[in-house]
Structures are given as structure tokens and as C-alpha cells.
Amino acid sequence: MEANQEKAPETASGGDAPRPVRAVCVFCGSRPGNQPSFSAAALDLGKQLVERQLDLVYGGGSGGLMGLVSKAVHDGGRHVLGVIPSALLPEEVSGETLGEVKVVRDMHERKSEMAKHSDAFIALPVNG
């Protein structure tokens, strides 16, 4: 691929025809996990999303795996949307939040908002 040539967007199947994937929802932990490979995988995933010109929707936490993925995507210039219930704000947002943060009432609304803004989903391990 030439340097000035743009990558074609990824596609998601569903319905009658594939649609482009523009935003990926990543489910992961607010802690780094018990294995260093988890942190490495989260960081690599963030870089891969940027390379593929994909935006991120995630749980809104600033620490752990969530923080690593969101920082990599934000630092790469892509849009980051964190969706977090108000009850979890003090616990999961211990540092600087990156990108857009949407505060919702509860976990049900959180999942609904994440689904509404996403074209594809990835789940990373939480513990190990």
C-alpha cells in the first residue's frame, strides 16, 4: 500500500449488506490483570484500532486495561467515547479521562449506549 493511499474501512456483517466498521466497543478491566501480557495486549489493541482508523467506545475507566486501550487510541488521534455509570465515577476514573465521557444512570443504560455507538465488539480478559 502506498503511503498516500487510505485504507478501506473494515466491515461488519448484519442485516442485508455489510456496513463499514467505524467504532469498536472494547470490554476490558479497570485493573491491569495478573499477567503482564494482558497489559501488552491492551496496548497493542489500541494501536491496531488506530492503524485501522477505528474509533473506540469503552467503559470510561482511566486505569488498568481500559486506560491503556483508551490512551493508545486517543494518542493516535482517533475518537474515544467512554460510557460510565455515575456510581462508578469515583472508583474507575482515578486519573485524567481521555476523549468524550458520557455519564449514565446505571449498567443497563451503559451497555445500551455502548451498543448504540459501536459497530463491532471485542472483549479482553479481566483476570488470569
C-alpha atoms as a PDB file:
ATOM      1  CA  MET A   1       0.000   0.000   0.000  1.00  0.00           C
ATOM      2  CA  GLU A   2       1.359   3.420  -0.921  1.00  0.00           C
ATOM      3  CA  ALA A   3       1.908   5.988   1.812  1.00  0.00           C
ATOM      4  CA  ASN A   4      -0.742   8.387   0.499  1.00  0.00           C
ATOM      5  CA  GLN A   5      -3.355   5.690  -0.069  1.00  0.00           C
ATOM      6  CA  GLU A   6      -6.104   5.371   2.569  1.00  0.00           C
ATOM      7  CA  LYS A   7      -7.094   2.011   3.974  1.00  0.00           C
ATOM      8  CA  ALA A   8     -10.573   0.792   3.118  1.00  0.00           C
ATOM      9  CA  PRO A   9     -12.799   0.704   6.227  1.00  0.00           C
ATOM     10  CA  GLU A  10     -13.396  -2.631   7.928  1.00  0.00           C
ATOM     11  CA  THR A  11     -16.916  -4.043   7.539  1.00  0.00           C
ATOM     12  CA  ALA A  12     -19.368  -5.674   9.929  1.00  0.00           C
ATOM     13  CA  SER A  13     -21.986  -8.111   8.810  1.00  0.00           C
ATOM     14  CA  GLY A  14     -25.553  -7.761   9.937  1.00  0.00           C
ATOM     15  CA  GLY A  15     -28.761  -7.217   8.074  1.00  0.00           C
ATOM     16  CA  ASP A  16     -28.755  -7.460   4.301  1.00  0.00           C
ATOM     17  CA  ALA A  17     -25.401  -5.909   3.437  1.00  0.00           C
ATOM     18  CA  PRO A  18     -22.117  -5.372   5.261  1.00  0.00           C
ATOM     19  CA  ARG A  19     -21.684  -1.924   6.754  1.00  0.00           C
ATOM     20  CA  PRO A  20     -18.402  -0.219   7.485  1.00  0.00           C
ATOM     21  CA  VAL A  21     -16.975  -0.578  10.973  1.00  0.00           C
ATOM     22  CA  ARG A  22     -16.165   2.867  12.293  1.00  0.00           C
ATOM     23  CA  ALA A  23     -16.241   2.343  16.060  1.00  0.00           C
ATOM     24  CA  VAL A  24     -15.290  -0.698  18.112  1.00  0.00           C
ATOM     25  CA  CYS A  25     -16.536  -1.281  21.645  1.00  0.00           C
ATOM     26  CA  VAL A  26     -13.878  -2.860  23.855  1.00  0.00           C
ATOM     27  CA  PHE A  27     -14.851  -4.582  27.103  1.00  0.00           C
ATOM     28  CA  CYS A  28     -11.911  -4.893  29.496  1.00  0.00           C
ATOM     29  CA  GLY A  29     -10.902  -4.427  33.110  1.00  0.00           C
ATOM     30  CA  SER A  30     -10.232  -1.305  35.118  1.00  0.00           C
ATOM     31  CA  ARG A  31      -7.205  -3.127  36.577  1.00  0.00           C
ATOM     32  CA  PRO A  32      -4.149  -4.418  34.705  1.00  0.00           C
ATOM     33  CA  GLY A  33      -4.795  -8.100  35.443  1.00  0.00           C
ATOM     34  CA  ASN A  34      -2.438 -10.668  36.902  1.00  0.00           C
ATOM     35  CA  GLN A  35      -0.284 -11.175  33.818  1.00  0.00           C
ATOM     36  CA  PRO A  36       1.876  -8.553  32.072  1.00  0.00           C
ATOM     37  CA  SER A  37       0.722  -9.982  28.746  1.00  0.00           C
ATOM     38  CA  PHE A  38      -2.762  -8.547  29.426  1.00  0.00           C
ATOM     39  CA  SER A  39      -1.393  -5.001  29.516  1.00  0.00           C
ATOM     40  CA  ALA A  40       0.681  -5.635  26.405  1.00  0.00           C
ATOM     41  CA  ALA A  41      -2.389  -6.979  24.576  1.00  0.00           C
ATOM     42  CA  ALA A  42      -4.496  -3.955  25.594  1.00  0.00           C
ATOM     43  CA  LEU A  43      -1.848  -1.534  24.381  1.00  0.00           C
ATOM     44  CA  ASP A  44      -1.433  -3.443  21.120  1.00  0.00           C
ATOM     45  CA  LEU A  45      -5.200  -3.495  20.575  1.00  0.00           C
ATOM     46  CA  GLY A  46      -5.332   0.290  20.942  1.00  0.00           C
ATOM     47  CA  LYS A  47      -2.550   0.671  18.391  1.00  0.00           C
ATOM     48  CA  GLN A  48      -4.294  -1.729  15.998  1.00  0.00           C
ATOM     49  CA  LEU A  49      -7.530   0.282  16.221  1.00  0.00           C
ATOM     50  CA  VAL A  50      -5.601   3.438  15.302  1.00  0.00           C
ATOM     51  CA  GLU A  51      -3.822   1.689  12.436  1.00  0.00           C
ATOM     52  CA  ARG A  52      -7.197   0.586  11.066  1.00  0.00           C
ATOM     53  CA  GLN A  53      -8.641   4.096  11.540  1.00  0.00           C
ATOM     54  CA  LEU A  54     -11.243   2.910  14.043  1.00  0.00           C
ATOM     55  CA  ASP A  55     -12.717   4.854  16.948  1.00  0.00           C
ATOM     56  CA  LEU A  56     -13.134   3.429  20.462  1.00  0.00           C
ATOM     57  CA  VAL A  57     -16.169   3.009  22.689  1.00  0.00           C
ATOM     58  CA  TYR A  58     -15.316   1.657  26.146  1.00  0.00           C
ATOM     59  CA  GLY A  59     -16.322   1.643  29.812  1.00  0.00           C
ATOM     60  CA  GLY A  60     -14.841   5.032  30.651  1.00  0.00           C
ATOM     61  CA  GLY A  61     -12.309   3.981  33.286  1.00  0.00           C
ATOM     62  CA  SER A  62      -8.915   5.668  33.372  1.00  0.00           C
ATOM     63  CA  GLY A  63      -6.948   2.815  34.911  1.00  0.00           C
ATOM     64  CA  GLY A  64      -5.931  -0.715  34.086  1.00  0.00           C
ATOM     65  CA  LEU A  65      -6.613  -2.223  30.687  1.00  0.00           C
ATOM     66  CA  MET A  66      -9.301   0.389  29.947  1.00  0.00           C
ATOM     67  CA  GLY A  67      -6.796   3.169  30.488  1.00  0.00           C
ATOM     68  CA  LEU A  68      -4.177   1.536  28.262  1.00  0.00           C
ATOM     69  CA  VAL A  69      -6.544   0.975  25.329  1.00  0.00           C
ATOM     70  CA  SER A  70      -8.114   4.433  25.559  1.00  0.00           C
ATOM     71  CA  LYS A  71      -4.760   6.227  25.849  1.00  0.00           C
ATOM     72  CA  ALA A  72      -3.345   4.406  22.818  1.00  0.00           C
ATOM     73  CA  VAL A  73      -6.406   5.245  20.708  1.00  0.00           C
ATOM     74  CA  HIS A  74      -6.570   8.858  21.910  1.00  0.00           C
ATOM     75  CA  ASP A  75      -2.824   9.386  21.417  1.00  0.00           C
ATOM     76  CA  GLY A  76      -3.248   8.009  17.890  1.00  0.00           C
ATOM     77  CA  GLY A  77      -5.742  10.756  17.067  1.00  0.00           C
ATOM     78  CA  ARG A  78      -8.916   8.679  16.992  1.00  0.00           C
ATOM     79  CA  HIS A  79     -12.190   9.485  18.771  1.00  0.00           C
ATOM     80  CA  VAL A  80     -12.653   7.911  22.201  1.00  0.00           C
ATOM     81  CA  LEU A  81     -16.068   7.614  23.887  1.00  0.00           C
ATOM     82  CA  GLY A  82     -16.157   6.400  27.481  1.00  0.00           C
ATOM     83  CA  VAL A  83     -19.539   5.425  28.920  1.00  0.00           C
ATOM     84  CA  ILE A  84     -19.681   5.156  32.692  1.00  0.00           C
ATOM     85  CA  PRO A  85     -22.444   4.959  35.317  1.00  0.00           C
ATOM     86  CA  SER A  86     -22.395   7.858  37.789  1.00  0.00           C
ATOM     87  CA  ALA A  87     -21.976   5.441  40.724  1.00  0.00           C
ATOM     88  CA  LEU A  88     -18.633   4.214  39.300  1.00  0.00           C
ATOM     89  CA  LEU A  89     -17.129   7.651  38.619  1.00  0.00           C
ATOM     90  CA  PRO A  90     -15.095   7.965  41.826  1.00  0.00           C
ATOM     91  CA  GLU A  91     -13.898   4.341  41.669  1.00  0.00           C
ATOM     92  CA  GLU A  92     -12.989   3.920  37.996  1.00  0.00           C
ATOM     93  CA  VAL A  93     -11.925   7.407  36.977  1.00  0.00           C
ATOM     94  CA  SER A  94      -8.878   7.934  39.149  1.00  0.00           C
ATOM     95  CA  GLY A  95      -6.839   9.821  36.571  1.00  0.00           C
ATOM     96  CA  GLU A  96      -7.361  12.044  33.581  1.00  0.00           C
ATOM     97  CA  THR A  97     -10.169  10.936  31.274  1.00  0.00           C
ATOM     98  CA  LEU A  98      -9.462  10.956  27.567  1.00  0.00           C
ATOM     99  CA  GLY A  99     -11.838  11.950  24.812  1.00  0.00           C
ATOM    100  CA  GLU A 100     -15.569  12.183  25.335  1.00  0.00           C
ATOM    101  CA  VAL A 101     -17.133  10.812  28.540  1.00  0.00           C
ATOM    102  CA  LYS A 102     -20.830  10.079  28.793  1.00  0.00           C
ATOM    103  CA  VAL A 103     -22.166   9.582  32.329  1.00  0.00           C
ATOM    104  CA  VAL A 104     -25.246   7.345  32.516  1.00  0.00           C
ATOM    105  CA  ARG A 105     -27.617   6.210  35.275  1.00  0.00           C
ATOM    106  CA  ASP A 106     -26.817   2.504  35.522  1.00  0.00           C
ATOM    107  CA  MET A 107     -25.189  -0.557  33.940  1.00  0.00           C
ATOM    108  CA  HIS A 108     -28.209  -1.219  31.725  1.00  0.00           C
ATOM    109  CA  GLU A 109     -28.005   2.261  30.192  1.00  0.00           C
ATOM    110  CA  ARG A 110     -24.217   1.890  29.913  1.00  0.00           C
ATOM    111  CA  LYS A 111     -24.487  -1.262  27.807  1.00  0.00           C
ATOM    112  CA  SER A 112     -27.257   0.265  25.702  1.00  0.00           C
ATOM    113  CA  GLU A 113     -25.207   3.404  24.955  1.00  0.00           C
ATOM    114  CA  MET A 114     -22.105   1.380  24.178  1.00  0.00           C
ATOM    115  CA  ALA A 115     -24.060  -0.770  21.722  1.00  0.00           C
ATOM    116  CA  LYS A 116     -25.689   2.285  20.134  1.00  0.00           C
ATOM    117  CA  HIS A 117     -22.321   3.864  19.305  1.00  0.00           C
ATOM    118  CA  SER A 118     -20.476   0.690  18.204  1.00  0.00           C
ATOM    119  CA  ASP A 119     -20.252  -1.371  15.032  1.00  0.00           C
ATOM    120  CA  ALA A 120     -18.199  -4.243  16.476  1.00  0.00           C
ATOM    121  CA  PHE A 121     -17.218  -5.627  19.894  1.00  0.00           C
ATOM    122  CA  ILE A 122     -14.035  -7.026  21.440  1.00  0.00           C
ATOM    123  CA  ALA A 123     -13.684  -8.478  24.954  1.00  0.00           C
ATOM    124  CA  LEU A 124     -10.295  -8.737  26.643  1.00  0.00           C
ATOM    125  CA  PRO A 125      -9.639 -10.983  29.673  1.00  0.00           C
ATOM    126  CA  VAL A 126     -10.082  -9.394  33.077  1.00  0.00           C
ATOM    127  CA  ASN A 127      -8.032 -11.679  35.367  1.00  0.00           C
ATOM    128  CA  GLY A 128      -5.661 -14.548  34.880  1.00  0.00           C
END
